[in-house]
Amino acid sequence: MAQGAGDIWWSYWYFHLGNYALAALMYTMLGRFALGFLVAPDSPNYIWRWFCRLTDPILRPVAFITPAFVAPRYLPPIAAYWLALARLAFYLLVWNLGLAPTLNPGGGG
């Protein structure tokens, strides 16, 4: 039986969910950083408030481990860096356990 697109998703759901969650948080951090150039930090804009509400729990531990001379406006890209490292570590963990999806060569034809 040929492996369809749905099969690859459900066969490796644990990999895809973890990878997707870390990627979404990473890109949300970059979005907050970019949006920070357009709106004030105390803006009542609902999109800005949503970005802050979603990213603040991640920024607290990043602020704790980041040197104090780094301005708070630069914490989101630093957090995105840590999330990218977490994403890589997650992939390496799953790969080392032999649970990561693999690319199989096509059958030709």
PDB file of N, CA and C in Angstrom:
ATOM      1  N   MET A   1       0.848  -1.189   0.000  1.00  0.00           N
ATOM      2  CA  MET A   1       0.000   0.000   0.000  1.00  0.00           C
ATOM      3  C   MET A   1       0.888   1.246   0.000  1.00  0.00           C
ATOM      4  N   ALA A   2       0.593   2.172  -0.886  1.00  0.00           N
ATOM      5  CA  ALA A   2       1.379   3.409  -0.978  1.00  0.00           C
ATOM      6  C   ALA A   2       1.045   4.306   0.210  1.00  0.00           C
ATOM      7  N   GLN A   3       2.053   5.025   0.643  1.00  0.00           N
ATOM      8  CA  GLN A   3       1.870   5.918   1.780  1.00  0.00           C
ATOM      9  C   GLN A   3       1.360   7.253   1.270  1.00  0.00           C
ATOM     10  N   GLY A   4       0.169   7.653   1.685  1.00  0.00           N
ATOM     11  CA  GLY A   4      -0.425   8.911   1.251  1.00  0.00           C
ATOM     12  C   GLY A   4      -0.025  10.057   2.151  1.00  0.00           C
ATOM     13  N   ALA A   5      -0.507  11.239   1.796  1.00  0.00           N
ATOM     14  CA  ALA A   5      -0.172  12.436   2.574  1.00  0.00           C
ATOM     15  C   ALA A   5      -0.731  12.348   3.985  1.00  0.00           C
ATOM     16  N   GLY A   6      -1.913  11.786   4.146  1.00  0.00           N
ATOM     17  CA  GLY A   6      -2.496  11.642   5.479  1.00  0.00           C
ATOM     18  C   GLY A   6      -1.743  10.650   6.329  1.00  0.00           C
ATOM     19  N   ASP A   7      -1.199   9.618   5.694  1.00  0.00           N
ATOM     20  CA  ASP A   7      -0.463   8.598   6.438  1.00  0.00           C
ATOM     21  C   ASP A   7       0.806   9.176   7.069  1.00  0.00           C
ATOM     22  N   ILE A   8       1.523  10.013   6.337  1.00  0.00           N
ATOM     23  CA  ILE A   8       2.762  10.585   6.871  1.00  0.00           C
ATOM     24  C   ILE A   8       2.453  11.500   8.064  1.00  0.00           C
ATOM     25  N   TRP A   9       1.317  12.180   8.032  1.00  0.00           N
ATOM     26  CA  TRP A   9       0.935  13.043   9.150  1.00  0.00           C
ATOM     27  C   TRP A   9       0.608  12.218  10.380  1.00  0.00           C
ATOM     28  N   TRP A  10      -0.279  11.246  10.236  1.00  0.00           N
ATOM     29  CA  TRP A  10      -0.733  10.483  11.392  1.00  0.00           C
ATOM     30  C   TRP A  10       0.334   9.530  11.907  1.00  0.00           C
ATOM     31  N   SER A  11       1.233   9.097  11.039  1.00  0.00           N
ATOM     32  CA  SER A  11       2.296   8.199  11.493  1.00  0.00           C
ATOM     33  C   SER A  11       3.305   8.926  12.375  1.00  0.00           C
ATOM     34  N   TYR A  12       3.464  10.209  12.165  1.00  0.00           N
ATOM     35  CA  TYR A  12       4.458  11.002  12.912  1.00  0.00           C
ATOM     36  C   TYR A  12       3.818  12.216  13.574  1.00  0.00           C
ATOM     37  N   TRP A  13       2.612  12.074  14.094  1.00  0.00           N
ATOM     38  CA  TRP A  13       1.884  13.198  14.665  1.00  0.00           C
ATOM     39  C   TRP A  13       2.651  13.858  15.796  1.00  0.00           C
ATOM     40  N   TYR A  14       3.349  13.078  16.616  1.00  0.00           N
ATOM     41  CA  TYR A  14       4.095  13.619  17.763  1.00  0.00           C
ATOM     42  C   TYR A  14       5.231  14.534  17.290  1.00  0.00           C
ATOM     43  N   PHE A  15       5.835  14.204  16.167  1.00  0.00           N
ATOM     44  CA  PHE A  15       6.894  15.051  15.616  1.00  0.00           C
ATOM     45  C   PHE A  15       6.306  16.338  15.046  1.00  0.00           C
ATOM     46  N   HIS A  16       5.249  16.197  14.265  1.00  0.00           N
ATOM     47  CA  HIS A  16       4.670  17.365  13.597  1.00  0.00           C
ATOM     48  C   HIS A  16       4.060  18.356  14.589  1.00  0.00           C
ATOM     49  N   LEU A  17       3.398  17.871  15.629  1.00  0.00           N
ATOM     50  CA  LEU A  17       2.797  18.787  16.606  1.00  0.00           C
ATOM     51  C   LEU A  17       3.859  19.567  17.378  1.00  0.00           C
ATOM     52  N   GLY A  18       4.895  18.884  17.829  1.00  0.00           N
ATOM     53  CA  GLY A  18       5.971  19.575  18.552  1.00  0.00           C
ATOM     54  C   GLY A  18       6.706  20.562  17.666  1.00  0.00           C
ATOM     55  N   ASN A  19       7.006  20.154  16.454  1.00  0.00           N
ATOM     56  CA  ASN A  19       7.713  21.019  15.512  1.00  0.00           C
ATOM     57  C   ASN A  19       6.863  22.237  15.162  1.00  0.00           C
ATOM     58  N   TYR A  20       5.570  22.016  14.929  1.00  0.00           N
ATOM     59  CA  TYR A  20       4.672  23.114  14.575  1.00  0.00           C
ATOM     60  C   TYR A  20       4.527  24.105  15.731  1.00  0.00           C
ATOM     61  N   ALA A  21       4.382  23.601  16.941  1.00  0.00           N
ATOM     62  CA  ALA A  21       4.215  24.495  18.095  1.00  0.00           C
ATOM     63  C   ALA A  21       5.452  25.366  18.300  1.00  0.00           C
ATOM     64  N   LEU A  22       6.620  24.767  18.212  1.00  0.00           N
ATOM     65  CA  LEU A  22       7.852  25.551  18.386  1.00  0.00           C
ATOM     66  C   LEU A  22       8.038  26.546  17.246  1.00  0.00           C
ATOM     67  N   ALA A  23       7.719  26.145  16.012  1.00  0.00           N
ATOM     68  CA  ALA A  23       7.839  27.054  14.871  1.00  0.00           C
ATOM     69  C   ALA A  23       6.853  28.217  15.005  1.00  0.00           C
ATOM     70  N   ALA A  24       5.622  27.934  15.413  1.00  0.00           N
ATOM     71  CA  ALA A  24       4.627  29.001  15.565  1.00  0.00           C
ATOM     72  C   ALA A  24       5.069  30.009  16.626  1.00  0.00           C
ATOM     73  N   LEU A  25       5.591  29.532  17.738  1.00  0.00           N
ATOM     74  CA  LEU A  25       6.076  30.450  18.773  1.00  0.00           C
ATOM     75  C   LEU A  25       7.278  31.254  18.288  1.00  0.00           C
ATOM     76  N   MET A  26       8.164  30.607  17.548  1.00  0.00           N
ATOM     77  CA  MET A  26       9.352  31.297  17.043  1.00  0.00           C
ATOM     78  C   MET A  26       8.960  32.427  16.090  1.00  0.00           C
ATOM     79  N   TYR A  27       8.069  32.133  15.156  1.00  0.00           N
ATOM     80  CA  TYR A  27       7.659  33.164  14.208  1.00  0.00           C
ATOM     81  C   TYR A  27       6.771  34.223  14.852  1.00  0.00           C
ATOM     82  N   THR A  28       6.056  33.867  15.904  1.00  0.00           N
ATOM     83  CA  THR A  28       5.281  34.866  16.641  1.00  0.00           C
ATOM     84  C   THR A  28       6.215  35.843  17.347  1.00  0.00           C
ATOM     85  N   MET A  29       7.334  35.343  17.857  1.00  0.00           N
ATOM     86  CA  MET A  29       8.332  36.232  18.469  1.00  0.00           C
ATOM     87  C   MET A  29       8.888  37.214  17.440  1.00  0.00           C
ATOM     88  N   LEU A  30       9.192  36.712  16.255  1.00  0.00           N
ATOM     89  CA  LEU A  30       9.704  37.603  15.207  1.00  0.00           C
ATOM     90  C   LEU A  30       8.635  38.599  14.772  1.00  0.00           C
ATOM     91  N   GLY A  31       7.380  38.166  14.747  1.00  0.00           N
ATOM     92  CA  GLY A  31       6.285  39.080  14.426  1.00  0.00           C
ATOM     93  C   GLY A  31       6.124  40.167  15.474  1.00  0.00           C
ATOM     94  N   ARG A  32       6.255  39.805  16.737  1.00  0.00           N
ATOM     95  CA  ARG A  32       6.166  40.811  17.799  1.00  0.00           C
ATOM     96  C   ARG A  32       7.297  41.819  17.670  1.00  0.00           C
ATOM     97  N   PHE A  33       8.497  41.338  17.366  1.00  0.00           N
ATOM     98  CA  PHE A  33       9.635  42.241  17.202  1.00  0.00           C
ATOM     99  C   PHE A  33       9.387  43.209  16.055  1.00  0.00           C
ATOM    100  N   ALA A  34       8.908  42.713  14.915  1.00  0.00           N
ATOM    101  CA  ALA A  34       8.652  43.567  13.757  1.00  0.00           C
ATOM    102  C   ALA A  34       7.517  44.550  14.046  1.00  0.00           C
ATOM    103  N   LEU A  35       6.449  44.069  14.692  1.00  0.00           N
ATOM    104  CA  LEU A  35       5.323  44.946  15.002  1.00  0.00           C
ATOM    105  C   LEU A  35       5.709  45.999  16.024  1.00  0.00           C
ATOM    106  N   GLY A  36       6.705  45.709  16.846  1.00  0.00           N
ATOM    107  CA  GLY A  36       7.163  46.669  17.850  1.00  0.00           C
ATOM    108  C   GLY A  36       7.723  47.953  17.256  1.00  0.00           C
ATOM    109  N   PHE A  37       8.120  47.910  15.975  1.00  0.00           N
ATOM    110  CA  PHE A  37       8.586  49.131  15.311  1.00  0.00           C
ATOM    111  C   PHE A  37       7.436  50.017  14.865  1.00  0.00           C
ATOM    112  N   LEU A  38       6.224  49.467  14.818  1.00  0.00           N
ATOM    113  CA  LEU A  38       5.075  50.208  14.301  1.00  0.00           C
ATOM    114  C   LEU A  38       4.116  50.704  15.370  1.00  0.00           C
ATOM    115  N   VAL A  39       4.113  50.065  16.533  1.00  0.00           N
ATOM    116  CA  VAL A  39       3.183  50.461  17.593  1.00  0.00           C
ATOM    117  C   VAL A  39       3.958  50.739  18.881  1.00  0.00           C
ATOM    118  N   ALA A  40       3.362  51.523  19.728  1.00  0.00           N
ATOM    119  CA  ALA A  40       3.966  51.844  21.022  1.00  0.00           C
ATOM    120  C   ALA A  40       3.844  50.638  21.960  1.00  0.00           C
ATOM    121  N   PRO A  41       4.763  50.502  22.895  1.00  0.00           N
ATOM    122  CA  PRO A  41       4.698  49.354  23.807  1.00  0.00           C
ATOM    123  C   PRO A  41       3.415  49.276  24.627  1.00  0.00           C
ATOM    124  N   ASP A  42       2.771  50.413  24.900  1.00  0.00           N
ATOM    125  CA  ASP A  42       1.526  50.414  25.683  1.00  0.00           C
ATOM    126  C   ASP A  42       0.303  50.652  24.801  1.00  0.00           C
ATOM    127  N   SER A  43       0.387  50.285  23.543  1.00  0.00           N
ATOM    128  CA  SER A  43      -0.699  50.503  22.585  1.00  0.00           C
ATOM    129  C   SER A  43      -1.934  49.676  22.951  1.00  0.00           C
ATOM    130  N   PRO A  44      -3.130  50.244  22.771  1.00  0.00           N
ATOM    131  CA  PRO A  44      -4.358  49.483  23.022  1.00  0.00           C
ATOM    132  C   PRO A  44      -4.767  48.608  21.830  1.00  0.00           C
ATOM    133  N   ASN A  45      -3.987  48.576  20.789  1.00  0.00           N
ATOM    134  CA  ASN A  45      -4.297  47.786  19.606  1.00  0.00           C
ATOM    135  C   ASN A  45      -4.475  46.322  19.996  1.00  0.00           C
ATOM    136  N   TYR A  46      -5.576  45.712  19.553  1.00  0.00           N
ATOM    137  CA  TYR A  46      -5.874  44.342  19.976  1.00  0.00           C
ATOM    138  C   TYR A  46      -4.891  43.321  19.399  1.00  0.00           C
ATOM    139  N   ILE A  47      -4.343  43.575  18.235  1.00  0.00           N
ATOM    140  CA  ILE A  47      -3.358  42.652  17.660  1.00  0.00           C
ATOM    141  C   ILE A  47      -2.075  42.697  18.489  1.00  0.00           C
ATOM    142  N   TRP A  48      -1.661  43.901  18.841  1.00  0.00           N
ATOM    143  CA  TRP A  48      -0.461  44.044  19.668  1.00  0.00           C
ATOM    144  C   TRP A  48      -0.671  43.388  21.018  1.00  0.00           C
ATOM    145  N   ARG A  49      -1.823  43.588  21.635  1.00  0.00           N
ATOM    146  CA  ARG A  49      -2.108  42.978  22.939  1.00  0.00           C
ATOM    147  C   ARG A  49      -2.092  41.452  22.839  1.00  0.00           C
ATOM    148  N   TRP A  50      -2.593  40.903  21.716  1.00  0.00           N
ATOM    149  CA  TRP A  50      -2.582  39.454  21.517  1.00  0.00           C
ATOM    150  C   TRP A  50      -1.143  38.941  21.408  1.00  0.00           C
ATOM    151  N   PHE A  51      -0.312  39.637  20.641  1.00  0.00           N
ATOM    152  CA  PHE A  51       1.101  39.251  20.529  1.00  0.00           C
ATOM    153  C   PHE A  51       1.753  39.271  21.907  1.00  0.00           C
ATOM    154  N   CYS A  52       1.501  40.311  22.678  1.00  0.00           N
ATOM    155  CA  CYS A  52       2.104  40.413  24.012  1.00  0.00           C
ATOM    156  C   CYS A  52       1.607  39.312  24.932  1.00  0.00           C
ATOM    157  N   ARG A  53       0.312  39.053  24.907  1.00  0.00           N
ATOM    158  CA  ARG A  53      -0.256  38.024  25.777  1.00  0.00           C
ATOM    159  C   ARG A  53       0.310  36.644  25.437  1.00  0.00           C
ATOM    160  N   LEU A  54       0.516  36.385  24.152  1.00  0.00           N
ATOM    161  CA  LEU A  54       1.020  35.082  23.729  1.00  0.00           C
ATOM    162  C   LEU A  54       2.511  34.921  23.991  1.00  0.00           C
ATOM    163  N   THR A  55       3.276  35.993  23.872  1.00  0.00           N
ATOM    164  CA  THR A  55       4.733  35.878  23.952  1.00  0.00           C
ATOM    165  C   THR A  55       5.313  36.222  25.324  1.00  0.00           C
ATOM    166  N   ASP A  56       4.591  36.940  26.156  1.00  0.00           N
ATOM    167  CA  ASP A  56       5.128  37.317  27.465  1.00  0.00           C
ATOM    168  C   ASP A  56       5.567  36.122  28.320  1.00  0.00           C
ATOM    169  N   PRO A  57       4.815  35.001  28.342  1.00  0.00           N
ATOM    170  CA  PRO A  57       5.293  33.861  29.144  1.00  0.00           C
ATOM    171  C   PRO A  57       6.631  33.299  28.661  1.00  0.00           C
ATOM    172  N   ILE A  58       6.937  33.442  27.397  1.00  0.00           N
ATOM    173  CA  ILE A  58       8.230  32.980  26.871  1.00  0.00           C
ATOM    174  C   ILE A  58       9.317  34.005  27.174  1.00  0.00           C
ATOM    175  N   LEU A  59       8.957  35.286  27.135  1.00  0.00           N
ATOM    176  CA  LEU A  59       9.957  36.335  27.328  1.00  0.00           C
ATOM    177  C   LEU A  59      10.449  36.433  28.770  1.00  0.00           C
ATOM    178  N   ARG A  60       9.628  36.009  29.737  1.00  0.00           N
ATOM    179  CA  ARG A  60      10.067  36.103  31.140  1.00  0.00           C
ATOM    180  C   ARG A  60      11.328  35.284  31.402  1.00  0.00           C
ATOM    181  N   PRO A  61      11.375  33.996  31.048  1.00  0.00           N
ATOM    182  CA  PRO A  61      12.633  33.264  31.295  1.00  0.00           C
ATOM    183  C   PRO A  61      13.783  33.749  30.418  1.00  0.00           C
ATOM    184  N   VAL A  62      13.470  34.235  29.218  1.00  0.00           N
ATOM    185  CA  VAL A  62      14.527  34.763  28.349  1.00  0.00           C
ATOM    186  C   VAL A  62      15.118  36.021  28.966  1.00  0.00           C
ATOM    187  N   ALA A  63      14.278  36.869  29.535  1.00  0.00           N
ATOM    188  CA  ALA A  63      14.764  38.085  30.188  1.00  0.00           C
ATOM    189  C   ALA A  63      15.630  37.740  31.403  1.00  0.00           C
ATOM    190  N   PHE A  64      15.295  36.640  32.067  1.00  0.00           N
ATOM    191  CA  PHE A  64      16.060  36.237  33.237  1.00  0.00           C
ATOM    192  C   PHE A  64      17.479  35.798  32.864  1.00  0.00           C
ATOM    193  N   ILE A  65      17.641  35.109  31.736  1.00  0.00           N
ATOM    194  CA  ILE A  65      18.964  34.599  31.366  1.00  0.00           C
ATOM    195  C   ILE A  65      19.741  35.533  30.454  1.00  0.00           C
ATOM    196  N   THR A  66      19.077  36.595  29.966  1.00  0.00           N
ATOM    197  CA  THR A  66      19.740  37.548  29.074  1.00  0.00           C
ATOM    198  C   THR A  66      20.409  38.634  29.905  1.00  0.00           C
ATOM    199  N   PRO A  67      21.618  39.057  29.540  1.00  0.00           N
ATOM    200  CA  PRO A  67      22.287  40.133  30.281  1.00  0.00           C
ATOM    201  C   PRO A  67      21.417  41.398  30.345  1.00  0.00           C
ATOM    202  N   ALA A  68      21.539  42.126  31.436  1.00  0.00           N
ATOM    203  CA  ALA A  68      20.686  43.286  31.702  1.00  0.00           C
ATOM    204  C   ALA A  68      20.915  44.436  30.726  1.00  0.00           C
ATOM    205  N   PHE A  69      22.073  44.490  30.069  1.00  0.00           N
ATOM    206  CA  PHE A  69      22.326  45.619  29.162  1.00  0.00           C
ATOM    207  C   PHE A  69      21.544  45.499  27.849  1.00  0.00           C
ATOM    208  N   VAL A  70      20.915  44.370  27.592  1.00  0.00           N
ATOM    209  CA  VAL A  70      20.097  44.201  26.388  1.00  0.00           C
ATOM    210  C   VAL A  70      18.746  44.861  26.631  1.00  0.00           C
ATOM    211  N   ALA A  71      18.362  45.762  25.742  1.00  0.00           N
ATOM    212  CA  ALA A  71      17.085  46.471  25.880  1.00  0.00           C
ATOM    213  C   ALA A  71      15.920  45.493  25.717  1.00  0.00           C
ATOM    214  N   PRO A  72      14.828  45.713  26.450  1.00  0.00           N
ATOM    215  CA  PRO A  72      13.676  44.801  26.372  1.00  0.00           C
ATOM    216  C   PRO A  72      13.097  44.644  24.964  1.00  0.00           C
ATOM    217  N   ARG A  73      13.232  45.656  24.126  1.00  0.00           N
ATOM    218  CA  ARG A  73      12.680  45.553  22.772  1.00  0.00           C
ATOM    219  C   ARG A  73      13.409  44.505  21.943  1.00  0.00           C
ATOM    220  N   TYR A  74      14.620  44.116  22.341  1.00  0.00           N
ATOM    221  CA  TYR A  74      15.390  43.115  21.595  1.00  0.00           C
ATOM    222  C   TYR A  74      15.252  41.703  22.171  1.00  0.00           C
ATOM    223  N   LEU A  75      14.411  41.531  23.161  1.00  0.00           N
ATOM    224  CA  LEU A  75      14.206  40.201  23.728  1.00  0.00           C
ATOM    225  C   LEU A  75      13.468  39.244  22.781  1.00  0.00           C
ATOM    226  N   PRO A  76      12.472  39.684  21.993  1.00  0.00           N
ATOM    227  CA  PRO A  76      11.796  38.731  21.102  1.00  0.00           C
ATOM    228  C   PRO A  76      12.710  38.017  20.101  1.00  0.00           C
ATOM    229  N   PRO A  77      13.652  38.692  19.426  1.00  0.00           N
ATOM    230  CA  PRO A  77      14.515  37.900  18.541  1.00  0.00           C
ATOM    231  C   PRO A  77      15.458  36.964  19.304  1.00  0.00           C
ATOM    232  N   ILE A  78      15.829  37.344  20.521  1.00  0.00           N
ATOM    233  CA  ILE A  78      16.646  36.445  21.338  1.00  0.00           C
ATOM    234  C   ILE A  78      15.821  35.213  21.720  1.00  0.00           C
ATOM    235  N   ALA A  79      14.558  35.442  22.062  1.00  0.00           N
ATOM    236  CA  ALA A  79      13.669  34.314  22.366  1.00  0.00           C
ATOM    237  C   ALA A  79      13.456  33.445  21.132  1.00  0.00           C
ATOM    238  N   ALA A  80      13.349  34.068  19.957  1.00  0.00           N
ATOM    239  CA  ALA A  80      13.201  33.296  18.721  1.00  0.00           C
ATOM    240  C   ALA A  80      14.429  32.424  18.493  1.00  0.00           C
ATOM    241  N   TYR A  81      15.595  32.934  18.816  1.00  0.00           N
ATOM    242  CA  TYR A  81      16.824  32.151  18.702  1.00  0.00           C
ATOM    243  C   TYR A  81      16.766  30.931  19.622  1.00  0.00           C
ATOM    244  N   TRP A  82      16.346  31.126  20.880  1.00  0.00           N
ATOM    245  CA  TRP A  82      16.254  30.010  21.821  1.00  0.00           C
ATOM    246  C   TRP A  82      15.204  29.007  21.370  1.00  0.00           C
ATOM    247  N   LEU A  83      14.113  29.499  20.801  1.00  0.00           N
ATOM    248  CA  LEU A  83      13.087  28.580  20.297  1.00  0.00           C
ATOM    249  C   LEU A  83      13.598  27.801  19.091  1.00  0.00           C
ATOM    250  N   ALA A  84      14.412  28.442  18.243  1.00  0.00           N
ATOM    251  CA  ALA A  84      15.004  27.729  17.105  1.00  0.00           C
ATOM    252  C   ALA A  84      15.937  26.632  17.612  1.00  0.00           C
ATOM    253  N   LEU A  85      16.702  26.930  18.657  1.00  0.00           N
ATOM    254  CA  LEU A  85      17.565  25.897  19.244  1.00  0.00           C
ATOM    255  C   LEU A  85      16.737  24.774  19.872  1.00  0.00           C
ATOM    256  N   ALA A  86      15.631  25.125  20.510  1.00  0.00           N
ATOM    257  CA  ALA A  86      14.751  24.104  21.086  1.00  0.00           C
ATOM    258  C   ALA A  86      14.145  23.237  19.988  1.00  0.00           C
ATOM    259  N   ARG A  87      13.815  23.863  18.870  1.00  0.00           N
ATOM    260  CA  ARG A  87      13.267  23.116  17.735  1.00  0.00           C
ATOM    261  C   ARG A  87      14.305  22.147  17.168  1.00  0.00           C
ATOM    262  N   LEU A  88      15.535  22.596  17.052  1.00  0.00           N
ATOM    263  CA  LEU A  88      16.611  21.731  16.581  1.00  0.00           C
ATOM    264  C   LEU A  88      16.858  20.595  17.575  1.00  0.00           C
ATOM    265  N   ALA A  89      16.876  20.909  18.863  1.00  0.00           N
ATOM    266  CA  ALA A  89      17.076  19.883  19.882  1.00  0.00           C
ATOM    267  C   ALA A  89      15.939  18.862  19.857  1.00  0.00           C
ATOM    268  N   PHE A  90      14.714  19.330  19.646  1.00  0.00           N
ATOM    269  CA  PHE A  90      13.564  18.422  19.546  1.00  0.00           C
ATOM    270  C   PHE A  90      13.723  17.482  18.357  1.00  0.00           C
ATOM    271  N   TYR A  91      14.134  18.028  17.223  1.00  0.00           N
ATOM    272  CA  TYR A  91      14.336  17.186  16.047  1.00  0.00           C
ATOM    273  C   TYR A  91      15.442  16.158  16.293  1.00  0.00           C
ATOM    274  N   LEU A  92      16.554  16.602  16.863  1.00  0.00           N
ATOM    275  CA  LEU A  92      17.652  15.680  17.117  1.00  0.00           C
ATOM    276  C   LEU A  92      17.263  14.584  18.112  1.00  0.00           C
ATOM    277  N   LEU A  93      16.468  14.935  19.105  1.00  0.00           N
ATOM    278  CA  LEU A  93      15.990  13.944  20.061  1.00  0.00           C
ATOM    279  C   LEU A  93      15.126  12.899  19.363  1.00  0.00           C
ATOM    280  N   VAL A  94      14.168  13.360  18.584  1.00  0.00           N
ATOM    281  CA  VAL A  94      13.272  12.438  17.882  1.00  0.00           C
ATOM    282  C   VAL A  94      14.057  11.602  16.870  1.00  0.00           C
ATOM    283  N   TRP A  95      15.008  12.225  16.205  1.00  0.00           N
ATOM    284  CA  TRP A  95      15.815  11.515  15.211  1.00  0.00           C
ATOM    285  C   TRP A  95      16.692  10.454  15.874  1.00  0.00           C
ATOM    286  N   ASN A  96      17.335  10.817  17.000  1.00  0.00           N
ATOM    287  CA  ASN A  96      18.184   9.850  17.710  1.00  0.00           C
ATOM    288  C   ASN A  96      17.386   8.671  18.258  1.00  0.00           C
ATOM    289  N   LEU A  97      16.131   8.902  18.578  1.00  0.00           N
ATOM    290  CA  LEU A  97      15.279   7.811  19.049  1.00  0.00           C
ATOM    291  C   LEU A  97      14.737   6.969  17.883  1.00  0.00           C
ATOM    292  N   GLY A  98      15.037   7.402  16.652  1.00  0.00           N
ATOM    293  CA  GLY A  98      14.559   6.675  15.470  1.00  0.00           C
ATOM    294  C   GLY A  98      13.102   6.900  15.175  1.00  0.00           C
ATOM    295  N   LEU A  99      12.541   8.008  15.664  1.00  0.00           N
ATOM    296  CA  LEU A  99      11.124   8.283  15.489  1.00  0.00           C
ATOM    297  C   LEU A  99      10.826   9.407  14.507  1.00  0.00           C
ATOM    298  N   ALA A 100      11.858   9.968  13.885  1.00  0.00           N
ATOM    299  CA  ALA A 100      11.668  11.094  12.971  1.00  0.00           C
ATOM    300  C   ALA A 100      11.234  10.586  11.596  1.00  0.00           C
ATOM    301  N   PRO A 101      10.434  11.391  10.888  1.00  0.00           N
ATOM    302  CA  PRO A 101      10.069  11.021   9.519  1.00  0.00           C
ATOM    303  C   PRO A 101      11.301  10.984   8.628  1.00  0.00           C
ATOM    304  N   THR A 102      11.301  10.101   7.680  1.00  0.00           N
ATOM    305  CA  THR A 102      12.409   9.996   6.743  1.00  0.00           C
ATOM    306  C   THR A 102      11.895  10.180   5.324  1.00  0.00           C
ATOM    307  N   LEU A 103      12.800  10.553   4.435  1.00  0.00           N
ATOM    308  CA  LEU A 103      12.458  10.670   3.022  1.00  0.00           C
ATOM    309  C   LEU A 103      12.856   9.377   2.330  1.00  0.00           C
ATOM    310  N   ASN A 104      11.897   8.726   1.768  1.00  0.00           N
ATOM    311  CA  ASN A 104      12.165   7.498   1.031  1.00  0.00           C
ATOM    312  C   ASN A 104      12.229   7.823  -0.451  1.00  0.00           C
ATOM    313  N   PRO A 105      13.194   7.250  -1.180  1.00  0.00           N
ATOM    314  CA  PRO A 105      13.243   7.506  -2.617  1.00  0.00           C
ATOM    315  C   PRO A 105      11.999   6.960  -3.301  1.00  0.00           C
ATOM    316  N   GLY A 106      11.555   7.671  -4.326  1.00  0.00           N
ATOM    317  CA  GLY A 106      10.362   7.259  -5.069  1.00  0.00           C
ATOM    318  C   GLY A 106      10.565   5.965  -5.802  1.00  0.00           C
ATOM    319  N   GLY A 107       9.478   5.377  -6.204  1.00  0.00           N
ATOM    320  CA  GLY A 107       9.542   4.096  -6.892  1.00  0.00           C
ATOM    321  C   GLY A 107       9.828   4.225  -8.365  1.00  0.00           C
ATOM    322  N   GLY A 108       9.916   5.459  -8.868  1.00  0.00           N
ATOM    323  CA  GLY A 108      10.181   5.646 -10.305  1.00  0.00           C
ATOM    324  C   GLY A 108       8.904   5.488 -11.110  1.00  0.00           C
ATOM    325  N   GLY A 109       9.064   5.511 -12.402  1.00  0.00           N
ATOM    326  CA  GLY A 109       7.926   5.248 -13.274  1.00  0.00           C
ATOM    327  C   GLY A 109       7.287   6.466 -13.699  1.00  0.00           C
TER     328      GLY A 109
END
